[in-house]
Amino acid sequence: MTRICLDTSAYGLLMRGDVGLRTRLEEADEVLLPVTVLGELHAGFRMGSRREENLAGLNAFLNEGGVRIVPTTDNVAERYGVLVQQLRERGTPIPTNDIWIAAAVLETGARLIAYDAHFRCVMGVLVESP
């Protein structure tokens, strides 16, 4: 089963109409959106001038077949703790929200599509750049 997980930056690219990314997602069995990404999106929508339009786009995306939100479970929280420790020990800390996203990616076994190169510092996360 092919699972693709989107980071906030990749979701933004998708909503701007990137055909290559849309094709990649259509090839996947499942498209995942960690709840942390959902939170980042909602925060961005509230600070922007097109809140209702962005919410409508998000809702349409979430209602597409094969798209699901990845909740923050106990297992994801445990993975988060391990990642924080590993990243600090290696001297490669990354933003907190991105650690949560990486933990969700590891929990689901998905590939992550993201612009942020620092995800490559997280052992076990397979990152594709759009």
C-alpha atoms as a PDB file:
ATOM      1  CA  MET A   1       0.000   0.000   0.000  1.00  0.00           C
ATOM      2  CA  THR A   2       1.357   3.412  -0.977  1.00  0.00           C
ATOM      3  CA  ARG A   3       0.828   6.075   1.660  1.00  0.00           C
ATOM      4  CA  ILE A   4       1.781   9.691   1.110  1.00  0.00           C
ATOM      5  CA  CYS A   5       1.803  12.219   3.912  1.00  0.00           C
ATOM      6  CA  LEU A   6       1.685  15.948   3.212  1.00  0.00           C
ATOM      7  CA  ASP A   7       3.534  18.635   5.086  1.00  0.00           C
ATOM      8  CA  THR A   8       1.978  22.102   5.216  1.00  0.00           C
ATOM      9  CA  SER A   9       4.248  23.370   2.441  1.00  0.00           C
ATOM     10  CA  ALA A  10       3.245  20.497   0.138  1.00  0.00           C
ATOM     11  CA  TYR A  11      -0.451  21.085   0.839  1.00  0.00           C
ATOM     12  CA  GLY A  12       0.029  24.729  -0.150  1.00  0.00           C
ATOM     13  CA  LEU A  13       1.701  23.690  -3.400  1.00  0.00           C
ATOM     14  CA  LEU A  14      -1.161  21.308  -4.115  1.00  0.00           C
ATOM     15  CA  MET A  15      -3.736  24.054  -3.554  1.00  0.00           C
ATOM     16  CA  ARG A  16      -1.809  26.316  -5.937  1.00  0.00           C
ATOM     17  CA  GLY A  17      -2.432  23.711  -8.643  1.00  0.00           C
ATOM     18  CA  ASP A  18       0.825  21.786  -8.936  1.00  0.00           C
ATOM     19  CA  VAL A  19      -0.004  19.128 -11.531  1.00  0.00           C
ATOM     20  CA  GLY A  20       2.960  16.878 -10.723  1.00  0.00           C
ATOM     21  CA  LEU A  21       2.041  16.733  -7.049  1.00  0.00           C
ATOM     22  CA  ARG A  22      -1.629  16.098  -7.856  1.00  0.00           C
ATOM     23  CA  THR A  23      -0.584  13.210 -10.112  1.00  0.00           C
ATOM     24  CA  ARG A  24       1.662  11.791  -7.387  1.00  0.00           C
ATOM     25  CA  LEU A  25      -1.227  11.864  -4.904  1.00  0.00           C
ATOM     26  CA  GLU A  26      -3.612  10.231  -7.367  1.00  0.00           C
ATOM     27  CA  GLU A  27      -1.146   7.337  -7.680  1.00  0.00           C
ATOM     28  CA  ALA A  28      -1.147   6.777  -3.900  1.00  0.00           C
ATOM     29  CA  ASP A  29      -3.530   4.413  -2.135  1.00  0.00           C
ATOM     30  CA  GLU A  30      -3.849   6.794   0.786  1.00  0.00           C
ATOM     31  CA  VAL A  31      -3.067  10.480   1.339  1.00  0.00           C
ATOM     32  CA  LEU A  32      -2.485  11.470   4.938  1.00  0.00           C
ATOM     33  CA  LEU A  33      -2.627  14.826   6.667  1.00  0.00           C
ATOM     34  CA  PRO A  34      -1.275  14.855  10.229  1.00  0.00           C
ATOM     35  CA  VAL A  35      -3.460  16.774  12.655  1.00  0.00           C
ATOM     36  CA  THR A  36      -0.456  19.063  13.265  1.00  0.00           C
ATOM     37  CA  VAL A  37      -0.551  20.093   9.603  1.00  0.00           C
ATOM     38  CA  LEU A  38      -4.266  20.687   9.950  1.00  0.00           C
ATOM     39  CA  GLY A  39      -3.533  23.006  12.888  1.00  0.00           C
ATOM     40  CA  GLU A  40      -0.885  24.897  10.919  1.00  0.00           C
ATOM     41  CA  LEU A  41      -3.327  25.330   8.052  1.00  0.00           C
ATOM     42  CA  HIS A  42      -6.088  26.647  10.301  1.00  0.00           C
ATOM     43  CA  ALA A  43      -3.657  29.113  11.883  1.00  0.00           C
ATOM     44  CA  GLY A  44      -2.560  30.321   8.464  1.00  0.00           C
ATOM     45  CA  PHE A  45      -6.154  30.661   7.271  1.00  0.00           C
ATOM     46  CA  ARG A  46      -7.020  32.797  10.305  1.00  0.00           C
ATOM     47  CA  MET A  47      -4.124  35.138   9.596  1.00  0.00           C
ATOM     48  CA  GLY A  48      -4.854  35.425   5.889  1.00  0.00           C
ATOM     49  CA  SER A  49      -7.375  37.370   3.882  1.00  0.00           C
ATOM     50  CA  ARG A  50      -9.024  34.346   2.176  1.00  0.00           C
ATOM     51  CA  ARG A  51     -10.088  32.316   5.197  1.00  0.00           C
ATOM     52  CA  GLU A  52     -13.435  31.071   3.855  1.00  0.00           C
ATOM     53  CA  GLU A  53     -11.995  30.192   0.454  1.00  0.00           C
ATOM     54  CA  ASN A  54      -9.111  28.296   2.069  1.00  0.00           C
ATOM     55  CA  LEU A  55     -11.472  26.443   4.431  1.00  0.00           C
ATOM     56  CA  ALA A  56     -13.655  25.419   1.507  1.00  0.00           C
ATOM     57  CA  GLY A  57     -10.593  24.105  -0.345  1.00  0.00           C
ATOM     58  CA  LEU A  58      -9.421  22.196   2.713  1.00  0.00           C
ATOM     59  CA  ASN A  59     -12.844  20.628   3.254  1.00  0.00           C
ATOM     60  CA  ALA A  60     -13.030  19.598  -0.401  1.00  0.00           C
ATOM     61  CA  PHE A  61      -9.565  18.018  -0.128  1.00  0.00           C
ATOM     62  CA  LEU A  62     -10.440  16.177   3.093  1.00  0.00           C
ATOM     63  CA  ASN A  63     -13.557  14.748   1.426  1.00  0.00           C
ATOM     64  CA  GLU A  64     -11.613  13.269  -1.485  1.00  0.00           C
ATOM     65  CA  GLY A  65     -11.441   9.491  -1.534  1.00  0.00           C
ATOM     66  CA  GLY A  66      -8.383   8.060   0.190  1.00  0.00           C
ATOM     67  CA  VAL A  67      -7.593  11.210   2.196  1.00  0.00           C
ATOM     68  CA  ARG A  68      -7.528  10.956   5.973  1.00  0.00           C
ATOM     69  CA  ILE A  69      -6.330  12.911   8.974  1.00  0.00           C
ATOM     70  CA  VAL A  70      -3.693  11.264  11.170  1.00  0.00           C
ATOM     71  CA  PRO A  71      -4.563  11.906  14.826  1.00  0.00           C
ATOM     72  CA  THR A  72      -2.012  12.434  17.565  1.00  0.00           C
ATOM     73  CA  THR A  73      -2.267   9.136  19.414  1.00  0.00           C
ATOM     74  CA  ASP A  74      -0.302   7.762  22.361  1.00  0.00           C
ATOM     75  CA  ASN A  75       1.976   5.966  19.886  1.00  0.00           C
ATOM     76  CA  VAL A  76       2.623   9.166  17.935  1.00  0.00           C
ATOM     77  CA  ALA A  77       3.377  10.968  21.222  1.00  0.00           C
ATOM     78  CA  GLU A  78       5.873   8.271  22.205  1.00  0.00           C
ATOM     79  CA  ARG A  79       7.584   8.516  18.807  1.00  0.00           C
ATOM     80  CA  TYR A  80       7.705  12.301  19.269  1.00  0.00           C
ATOM     81  CA  GLY A  81       9.590  11.853  22.546  1.00  0.00           C
ATOM     82  CA  VAL A  82      12.094   9.490  20.953  1.00  0.00           C
ATOM     83  CA  LEU A  83      12.646  11.879  18.040  1.00  0.00           C
ATOM     84  CA  VAL A  84      13.228  14.877  20.306  1.00  0.00           C
ATOM     85  CA  GLN A  85      15.888  12.917  22.167  1.00  0.00           C
ATOM     86  CA  GLN A  86      17.560  11.604  18.993  1.00  0.00           C
ATOM     87  CA  LEU A  87      17.625  14.993  17.304  1.00  0.00           C
ATOM     88  CA  ARG A  88      19.074  16.729  20.352  1.00  0.00           C
ATOM     89  CA  GLU A  89      21.716  14.051  20.877  1.00  0.00           C
ATOM     90  CA  ARG A  90      22.822  14.446  17.252  1.00  0.00           C
ATOM     91  CA  GLY A  91      22.717  18.232  17.459  1.00  0.00           C
ATOM     92  CA  THR A  92      20.102  18.494  14.717  1.00  0.00           C
ATOM     93  CA  PRO A  93      16.965  19.894  16.355  1.00  0.00           C
ATOM     94  CA  ILE A  94      14.099  20.857  14.054  1.00  0.00           C
ATOM     95  CA  PRO A  95      10.920  22.882  14.677  1.00  0.00           C
ATOM     96  CA  THR A  96       8.567  21.301  17.207  1.00  0.00           C
ATOM     97  CA  ASN A  97       5.601  20.984  14.839  1.00  0.00           C
ATOM     98  CA  ASP A  98       7.812  19.229  12.313  1.00  0.00           C
ATOM     99  CA  ILE A  99       8.838  16.682  14.940  1.00  0.00           C
ATOM    100  CA  TRP A 100       5.138  15.943  15.516  1.00  0.00           C
ATOM    101  CA  ILE A 101       4.645  15.588  11.764  1.00  0.00           C
ATOM    102  CA  ALA A 102       7.650  13.248  11.514  1.00  0.00           C
ATOM    103  CA  ALA A 103       6.283  11.160  14.388  1.00  0.00           C
ATOM    104  CA  ALA A 104       2.963  10.789  12.550  1.00  0.00           C
ATOM    105  CA  VAL A 105       4.803   9.837   9.354  1.00  0.00           C
ATOM    106  CA  LEU A 106       6.795   7.162  11.160  1.00  0.00           C
ATOM    107  CA  GLU A 107       3.675   5.830  12.869  1.00  0.00           C
ATOM    108  CA  THR A 108       1.861   5.391   9.551  1.00  0.00           C
ATOM    109  CA  GLY A 109       4.802   4.179   7.480  1.00  0.00           C
ATOM    110  CA  ALA A 110       4.070   6.867   4.882  1.00  0.00           C
ATOM    111  CA  ARG A 111       6.402   8.815   2.642  1.00  0.00           C
ATOM    112  CA  LEU A 112       6.481  12.515   3.441  1.00  0.00           C
ATOM    113  CA  ILE A 113       6.181  15.159   0.767  1.00  0.00           C
ATOM    114  CA  ALA A 114       7.732  18.374   2.082  1.00  0.00           C
ATOM    115  CA  TYR A 115       9.929  21.310   1.100  1.00  0.00           C
ATOM    116  CA  ASP A 116      11.712  21.472   4.442  1.00  0.00           C
ATOM    117  CA  ALA A 117      15.136  19.848   4.143  1.00  0.00           C
ATOM    118  CA  HIS A 118      15.412  19.419   7.909  1.00  0.00           C
ATOM    119  CA  PHE A 119      13.005  16.439   7.725  1.00  0.00           C
ATOM    120  CA  ARG A 120      15.969  14.554   6.255  1.00  0.00           C
ATOM    121  CA  CYS A 121      17.573  14.792   9.722  1.00  0.00           C
ATOM    122  CA  VAL A 122      14.888  12.454  11.093  1.00  0.00           C
ATOM    123  CA  MET A 123      16.005   8.849  10.907  1.00  0.00           C
ATOM    124  CA  GLY A 124      13.452   6.654   9.167  1.00  0.00           C
ATOM    125  CA  VAL A 125      11.458   9.407   7.457  1.00  0.00           C
ATOM    126  CA  LEU A 126      11.425   9.029   3.691  1.00  0.00           C
ATOM    127  CA  VAL A 127      11.111  12.512   2.213  1.00  0.00           C
ATOM    128  CA  GLU A 128      10.133  13.504  -1.311  1.00  0.00           C
ATOM    129  CA  SER A 129      10.415  17.110  -2.399  1.00  0.00           C
ATOM    130  CA  PRO A 130       7.665  18.279  -4.701  1.00  0.00           C
END
